[in-house]
Protein backbone atom coordinates (compact mmCIF):
# COMPACT_ATOMS: atom_id res chain seq x y z
CA MET A 1 126.24 -86.93 -99.96
CA ASN A 2 123.51 -84.99 -98.06
CA ILE A 3 124.68 -84.79 -94.13
CA LEU A 4 122.27 -83.70 -91.42
CA PHE A 5 124.06 -82.27 -88.39
CA TYR A 6 122.22 -82.58 -84.88
CA SER A 7 123.37 -80.34 -81.85
CA ALA A 8 125.15 -78.05 -84.22
CA GLN A 9 126.75 -74.91 -82.73
CA PRO A 10 128.06 -71.84 -84.46
CA TYR A 11 131.68 -73.31 -84.48
CA ASP A 12 130.43 -76.53 -86.21
CA ILE A 13 128.95 -74.55 -89.09
CA LYS A 14 132.00 -72.54 -89.48
CA TYR A 15 134.71 -75.23 -89.36
CA PHE A 16 132.61 -78.00 -91.28
CA THR A 17 131.61 -75.22 -93.99
CA THR A 18 135.37 -74.55 -94.37
CA ALA A 19 136.38 -78.22 -94.67
CA ASN A 20 133.48 -78.89 -97.11
CA GLU A 21 134.92 -76.83 -99.63
CA LYS A 22 137.05 -79.83 -100.72
CA TYR A 23 133.86 -82.25 -101.01
CA GLN A 24 131.06 -80.06 -101.77
CA TYR A 25 128.47 -82.24 -99.80
CA GLN A 26 125.05 -80.78 -98.96
CA LEU A 27 125.08 -79.80 -95.24
CA ARG A 28 122.23 -78.94 -93.01
CA PHE A 29 122.64 -77.88 -89.48
CA LEU A 30 120.10 -78.34 -86.56
CA GLU A 31 120.67 -77.02 -83.14
CA TYR A 32 118.42 -79.79 -81.63
CA PRO A 33 119.92 -82.72 -80.09
CA LEU A 34 119.17 -85.93 -81.67
CA ASN A 35 116.47 -88.16 -79.94
CA THR A 36 113.27 -90.15 -80.70
CA ASP A 37 111.36 -86.81 -80.78
CA ASN A 38 113.05 -85.34 -83.69
CA THR A 39 114.25 -87.96 -86.03
CA ALA A 40 111.11 -86.78 -88.17
CA LEU A 41 113.34 -83.78 -89.06
CA VAL A 42 115.38 -85.92 -91.38
CA LYS A 43 114.51 -84.90 -95.00
CA PRO A 44 114.29 -87.22 -98.14
CA GLY A 45 117.62 -87.52 -99.71
CA GLU A 46 119.72 -87.11 -96.47
CA ASN A 47 121.68 -90.31 -95.88
CA VAL A 48 124.28 -89.33 -93.33
CA VAL A 49 123.64 -88.16 -89.51
CA CYS A 50 126.47 -86.37 -87.95
CA ALA A 51 126.22 -86.40 -84.18
CA PHE A 52 127.77 -85.11 -81.04
CA VAL A 53 128.55 -86.58 -77.50
CA ASN A 54 125.17 -85.84 -76.01
CA ASP A 55 122.91 -87.04 -78.88
CA HIS A 56 120.98 -90.20 -78.34
CA LEU A 57 121.55 -93.12 -80.77
CA ASP A 58 119.85 -95.89 -78.99
CA ALA A 59 117.90 -98.73 -80.75
CA PRO A 60 114.74 -96.77 -81.36
CA VAL A 61 116.66 -93.82 -82.68
CA LEU A 62 118.78 -95.77 -85.08
CA HIS A 63 115.72 -97.77 -86.41
CA GLN A 64 113.89 -94.51 -87.14
CA LEU A 65 116.98 -93.14 -88.86
CA TYR A 66 117.29 -96.26 -90.91
CA ASP A 67 113.66 -96.02 -92.08
CA LYS A 68 114.13 -92.42 -93.05
CA GLY A 69 117.11 -93.34 -95.31
CA ILE A 70 120.18 -92.67 -93.08
CA ARG A 71 122.93 -95.24 -93.79
CA LEU A 72 125.99 -93.91 -91.98
CA ILE A 73 126.46 -92.33 -88.39
CA ALA A 74 129.28 -89.96 -88.44
CA LEU A 75 130.29 -89.05 -84.89
CA ARG A 76 132.23 -85.74 -84.64
CA ALA A 77 133.82 -87.11 -81.43
CA ALA A 78 136.03 -89.63 -80.10
CA GLY A 79 133.65 -91.07 -77.57
CA PHE A 80 130.76 -93.59 -78.59
CA ASN A 81 129.14 -94.58 -75.50
CA ASN A 82 125.99 -92.94 -76.84
CA VAL A 83 125.56 -95.38 -79.59
CA ASP A 84 123.89 -98.80 -79.57
CA LEU A 85 126.65 -100.42 -81.64
CA LYS A 86 124.78 -103.91 -81.77
CA THR A 87 121.68 -102.14 -83.41
CA ALA A 88 123.69 -100.20 -85.71
CA ALA A 89 125.62 -103.46 -86.78
CA ALA A 90 122.31 -105.30 -87.19
CA LEU A 91 121.10 -102.58 -89.44
CA ASN A 92 124.31 -102.62 -91.47
CA MET A 93 124.82 -98.96 -90.53
CA PRO A 94 128.55 -98.06 -90.07
CA VAL A 95 129.47 -95.84 -87.22
CA VAL A 96 132.62 -93.68 -87.72
CA ARG A 97 134.05 -91.35 -85.24
CA VAL A 98 137.15 -88.93 -84.92
CA PRO A 99 139.51 -91.05 -82.71
CA ALA A 100 142.28 -88.40 -82.41
CA TYR A 101 141.85 -84.78 -82.57
CA SER A 102 144.64 -82.73 -81.19
CA PRO A 103 144.91 -84.82 -78.08
CA HIS A 104 147.17 -81.87 -76.88
CA ALA A 105 144.08 -79.86 -76.47
CA VAL A 106 142.30 -82.04 -74.00
CA ALA A 107 145.60 -82.77 -72.06
CA GLU A 108 146.62 -79.13 -71.76
CA HIS A 109 143.10 -78.27 -70.68
CA ALA A 110 143.40 -80.83 -67.82
CA VAL A 111 146.67 -79.08 -66.85
CA ALA A 112 145.13 -75.61 -66.92
CA LEU A 113 142.30 -76.90 -64.58
CA LEU A 114 144.86 -78.33 -62.23
CA LEU A 115 146.95 -75.16 -62.09
CA GLY A 116 143.83 -72.94 -61.75
CA LEU A 117 142.44 -75.01 -59.01
CA ASN A 118 145.72 -75.42 -57.11
CA ARG A 119 146.87 -71.72 -57.26
CA LYS A 120 143.35 -70.28 -56.90
CA ILE A 121 143.56 -68.36 -60.05
CA TYR A 122 139.74 -68.10 -60.28
CA LYS A 123 139.56 -66.48 -56.77
CA ALA A 124 142.45 -64.18 -57.48
CA TYR A 125 140.97 -62.94 -60.58
CA ASN A 126 137.58 -62.04 -58.87
CA ARG A 127 139.44 -60.45 -55.95
CA ILE A 128 141.44 -58.20 -58.21
CA ARG A 129 138.42 -57.13 -59.96
CA ASP A 130 137.10 -55.95 -56.68
CA ASN A 131 140.44 -54.19 -55.85
CA ASN A 132 141.11 -56.62 -53.15
CA PHE A 133 144.89 -57.35 -53.17
CA THR A 134 145.08 -59.71 -50.18
CA LEU A 135 146.64 -63.25 -50.45
CA ASN A 136 144.83 -64.94 -47.72
CA GLY A 137 143.16 -68.03 -48.80
CA LEU A 138 145.26 -68.16 -52.11
CA GLU A 139 147.85 -70.57 -50.89
CA GLY A 140 148.63 -73.57 -53.31
CA PHE A 141 151.41 -76.13 -53.48
CA ASP A 142 154.28 -76.92 -55.65
CA LEU A 143 153.44 -79.45 -58.21
CA TYR A 144 157.24 -80.40 -58.12
CA GLY A 145 157.73 -83.72 -56.34
CA LYS A 146 154.02 -84.59 -56.12
CA THR A 147 152.76 -88.01 -57.33
CA VAL A 148 150.19 -87.91 -60.01
CA GLY A 149 147.92 -90.66 -61.04
CA VAL A 150 146.96 -91.16 -64.66
CA ILE A 151 144.17 -93.64 -65.25
CA GLY A 152 144.13 -94.30 -69.12
CA THR A 153 147.28 -93.65 -71.13
CA GLY A 154 145.89 -93.50 -74.64
CA ASN A 155 146.93 -90.30 -76.75
CA ILE A 156 145.45 -87.87 -74.36
CA GLY A 157 146.59 -89.58 -71.11
CA ALA A 158 150.09 -89.91 -72.66
CA ILE A 159 150.46 -86.25 -73.36
CA PHE A 160 149.17 -85.50 -69.78
CA CYS A 161 151.75 -87.82 -68.27
CA ARG A 162 154.64 -86.29 -70.29
CA ILE A 163 153.53 -82.65 -69.20
CA MET A 164 153.32 -83.64 -65.44
CA MET A 165 156.73 -85.20 -65.74
CA GLY A 166 157.98 -81.75 -67.08
CA PHE A 167 156.67 -80.50 -63.87
CA GLY A 168 158.96 -82.79 -61.89
CA CYS A 169 156.19 -84.96 -60.84
CA LYS A 170 156.19 -88.73 -60.21
CA VAL A 171 153.72 -90.21 -62.64
CA LEU A 172 151.87 -93.43 -61.75
CA ALA A 173 149.66 -94.93 -64.61
CA TYR A 174 146.89 -97.70 -64.96
CA ASP A 175 145.83 -98.83 -68.20
CA MET A 176 145.05 -102.39 -69.78
CA TYR A 177 147.70 -101.74 -72.28
CA LYS A 178 151.08 -100.34 -71.22
CA ASN A 179 152.86 -97.65 -73.23
CA GLU A 180 156.38 -98.83 -73.62
CA ALA A 181 157.57 -95.31 -74.52
CA LEU A 182 155.97 -93.78 -71.54
CA GLU A 183 157.61 -96.41 -69.27
CA ASN A 184 161.00 -95.67 -70.95
CA ALA A 185 160.35 -92.15 -70.05
CA GLY A 186 159.78 -92.90 -66.33
CA VAL A 187 156.08 -93.43 -66.08
CA GLU A 188 155.41 -96.37 -63.66
CA TYR A 189 152.45 -98.62 -64.49
CA VAL A 190 150.82 -99.87 -61.33
CA PRO A 191 147.74 -101.55 -60.43
CA LEU A 192 144.51 -99.29 -60.20
CA ASP A 193 144.28 -99.46 -56.42
CA THR A 194 147.74 -98.54 -56.14
CA VAL A 195 146.97 -95.40 -58.18
CA PHE A 196 144.16 -94.51 -55.56
CA GLU A 197 146.41 -95.18 -52.79
CA ARG A 198 149.54 -93.30 -53.70
CA SER A 199 148.46 -90.31 -55.76
CA ASP A 200 148.24 -86.76 -54.65
CA ILE A 201 146.59 -85.88 -57.85
CA ILE A 202 144.52 -88.29 -60.00
CA SER A 203 143.52 -87.52 -63.52
CA LEU A 204 140.86 -89.42 -65.68
CA HIS A 205 141.70 -90.24 -69.28
CA CYS A 206 139.76 -93.32 -69.96
CA PRO A 207 136.77 -94.07 -72.14
CA LEU A 208 133.30 -94.66 -70.71
CA THR A 209 132.41 -98.12 -70.92
CA PRO A 210 130.03 -100.35 -68.67
CA GLU A 211 133.18 -101.51 -66.90
CA THR A 212 134.42 -97.91 -66.06
CA LYS A 213 131.16 -96.40 -65.49
CA HIS A 214 131.31 -94.65 -61.88
CA LEU A 215 135.03 -95.88 -61.54
CA ILE A 216 135.12 -93.07 -59.13
CA ASN A 217 132.65 -94.13 -56.30
CA ALA A 218 132.44 -94.23 -52.65
CA ILE A 219 134.56 -97.34 -52.27
CA THR A 220 137.28 -96.20 -54.51
CA ILE A 221 137.38 -92.71 -53.05
CA ALA A 222 137.92 -94.45 -49.65
CA LYS A 223 141.08 -95.86 -50.92
CA MET A 224 142.57 -92.30 -51.98
CA LYS A 225 144.76 -90.04 -49.79
CA ARG A 226 142.81 -87.65 -47.90
CA GLY A 227 143.02 -84.22 -49.56
CA VAL A 228 143.49 -85.90 -53.02
CA PHE A 229 142.93 -83.59 -56.14
CA LEU A 230 140.57 -85.06 -58.78
CA LEU A 231 140.49 -84.25 -62.35
CA ASN A 232 138.12 -85.52 -65.12
CA THR A 233 138.45 -84.28 -68.65
CA SER A 234 137.11 -87.60 -70.09
CA ARG A 235 133.49 -88.73 -69.66
CA GLY A 236 131.05 -87.39 -67.02
CA GLY A 237 130.05 -91.03 -66.43
CA LEU A 238 133.34 -92.01 -64.79
CA ILE A 239 132.43 -90.21 -61.71
CA ASP A 240 129.49 -90.97 -59.33
CA THR A 241 128.84 -87.32 -58.70
CA LYS A 242 126.86 -87.90 -55.51
CA ALA A 243 129.67 -89.82 -53.99
CA VAL A 244 132.21 -87.10 -54.88
CA VAL A 245 129.87 -84.39 -53.29
CA GLU A 246 129.91 -86.46 -50.12
CA ALA A 247 133.63 -86.67 -50.20
CA LEU A 248 133.93 -82.99 -50.93
CA LYS A 249 131.72 -82.36 -47.95
CA ASN A 250 133.80 -84.32 -45.47
CA CYS A 251 137.07 -83.05 -47.16
CA HIS A 252 138.39 -86.43 -48.27
CA ILE A 253 138.71 -85.03 -51.64
CA GLY A 254 140.75 -81.91 -51.33
CA ALA A 255 139.71 -80.31 -54.65
CA LEU A 256 137.79 -81.23 -57.94
CA ALA A 257 138.18 -79.97 -61.43
CA ILE A 258 135.91 -81.43 -64.20
CA ASP A 259 135.26 -80.58 -67.87
CA VAL A 260 132.63 -83.20 -68.13
CA TYR A 261 129.42 -84.07 -65.96
CA GLU A 262 127.43 -87.11 -66.08
CA GLN A 263 124.20 -85.20 -66.65
CA GLU A 264 125.58 -82.71 -68.96
CA GLU A 265 123.37 -83.37 -71.68
CA ASN A 266 120.65 -81.13 -70.12
CA LEU A 267 123.24 -78.36 -69.28
CA PHE A 268 126.25 -78.11 -71.39
CA PHE A 269 126.07 -76.12 -74.79
CA HIS A 270 123.18 -74.29 -73.86
CA ASP A 271 122.55 -70.76 -72.58
CA LEU A 272 120.57 -71.42 -69.35
CA SER A 273 121.59 -68.12 -67.58
CA GLY A 274 118.02 -67.07 -67.26
CA GLU A 275 116.64 -70.39 -66.10
CA ILE A 276 116.33 -72.31 -62.65
CA ILE A 277 118.51 -75.43 -62.82
CA GLN A 278 116.58 -78.44 -61.67
CA ASP A 279 119.55 -80.72 -61.16
CA ASP A 280 120.04 -80.71 -57.32
CA VAL A 281 123.32 -82.61 -57.58
CA TRP A 282 124.71 -79.87 -59.87
CA SER A 283 123.38 -77.23 -57.65
CA ARG A 284 125.11 -78.59 -54.69
CA LEU A 285 128.41 -79.11 -56.62
CA ILE A 286 128.71 -75.58 -57.74
CA THR A 287 128.44 -74.26 -54.15
CA PHE A 288 131.92 -75.81 -53.22
CA PRO A 289 134.83 -73.08 -53.10
CA ASN A 290 137.36 -75.90 -54.16
CA VAL A 291 135.54 -77.03 -57.28
CA VAL A 292 136.20 -75.79 -60.76
CA ILE A 293 133.97 -76.64 -63.80
CA THR A 294 134.13 -75.91 -67.33
CA SER A 295 131.48 -77.00 -69.80
CA HIS A 296 133.13 -79.65 -71.95
CA GLN A 297 135.58 -77.21 -73.72
CA GLY A 298 138.69 -79.46 -73.43
CA PHE A 299 138.51 -80.09 -77.10
CA PHE A 300 137.82 -76.45 -78.07
CA THR A 301 140.98 -75.22 -79.96
CA HIS A 302 141.32 -74.18 -83.68
CA GLU A 303 143.59 -77.08 -84.17
CA ALA A 304 141.08 -79.69 -82.78
CA LEU A 305 137.97 -78.20 -84.43
CA THR A 306 139.93 -78.21 -87.79
CA GLN A 307 140.80 -81.71 -87.28
CA ILE A 308 137.37 -82.84 -86.24
CA ALA A 309 135.72 -81.44 -89.29
CA GLU A 310 138.42 -82.62 -91.73
CA THR A 311 138.41 -86.29 -90.34
CA THR A 312 134.55 -86.40 -90.08
CA LEU A 313 134.12 -85.57 -93.75
CA HIS A 314 137.06 -87.71 -94.87
CA ASN A 315 135.16 -90.66 -93.12
CA ILE A 316 131.99 -89.84 -94.92
CA ALA A 317 134.11 -89.64 -98.40
CA CYS A 318 135.38 -93.18 -97.78
CA PHE A 319 131.96 -94.46 -97.05
CA GLU A 320 130.62 -92.82 -100.16
CA LYS A 321 133.58 -94.23 -102.33
CA GLY A 322 133.26 -97.78 -100.57
CA GLU A 323 136.72 -97.66 -99.19
CA ALA A 324 138.03 -99.04 -95.95
CA LEU A 325 136.49 -97.11 -92.82
CA VAL A 326 139.52 -97.04 -90.82
CA ASN A 327 137.85 -94.95 -88.26
CA GLN A 328 134.72 -97.30 -87.81
CA VAL A 329 133.64 -98.27 -84.40
CA LYS A 330 132.87 -101.92 -84.11
CA ILE A 331 131.63 -103.98 -81.30
């Protein structure tokens, strides 16, 4: 199989090259994101495109790829909201993904963001480097006894629930499908509005779908406790960022920690340190002292990267052999 990677980073090359020792496929890596402007980069004989979260796989792109000879879309991620699944199905072009890659990585990163935000670790670090050893303004609160709302209790959300229970938190959860093991462990499933109303901390772990887009908006924020901490390590589009900015300004949201951003495709995974960012919402967001942002690095552990590479190539091998595609995304 000849595989073309879009949005490839140095770590992609490293981990996929290692995983490919078993398969000996032909791999070609492009740093460019996939869109209608660069499908022409597909070379004759390449039959698989490997894409990441910010690559565009809408109907025009899929048709162009099909005409170029691409017969499989292999996502090296869990999310698939960037793919037009109806068009892919009409073209008989399977879409496979990596549904679970070290869910501990993302859950632990969410906890790290919460702890860093609450205990002002980022501020303390900068002060110490300036030989400022004062504690004023670094006050946090005990997580013990707080109510944590978790929206989405799949693999990542379930692990996050268990970690927070380990801190002695009361955990409320909302999901269309209840996890009986979590219930038995002490997690209380409640309606979504109850999560908003009762939680001191809310963490998002649900997929981005038309139904969940801007789940956090001006209306739902108004239902939350004043001073709520909001975490998002799932998908940027779950949050209406303009509404969150307003809630930060009026202090309804007490603090925000995000690893994803709804307009991240123009920012994340690029070095823009020498450029002027044209996104005014982003520019306003990073001015708040009670906001911590990382650039979609929740997945970025050795274990997760290894699993992503191995599962992606295994998906491709199953396609090559005509075997069942257990990780296929269907409409």
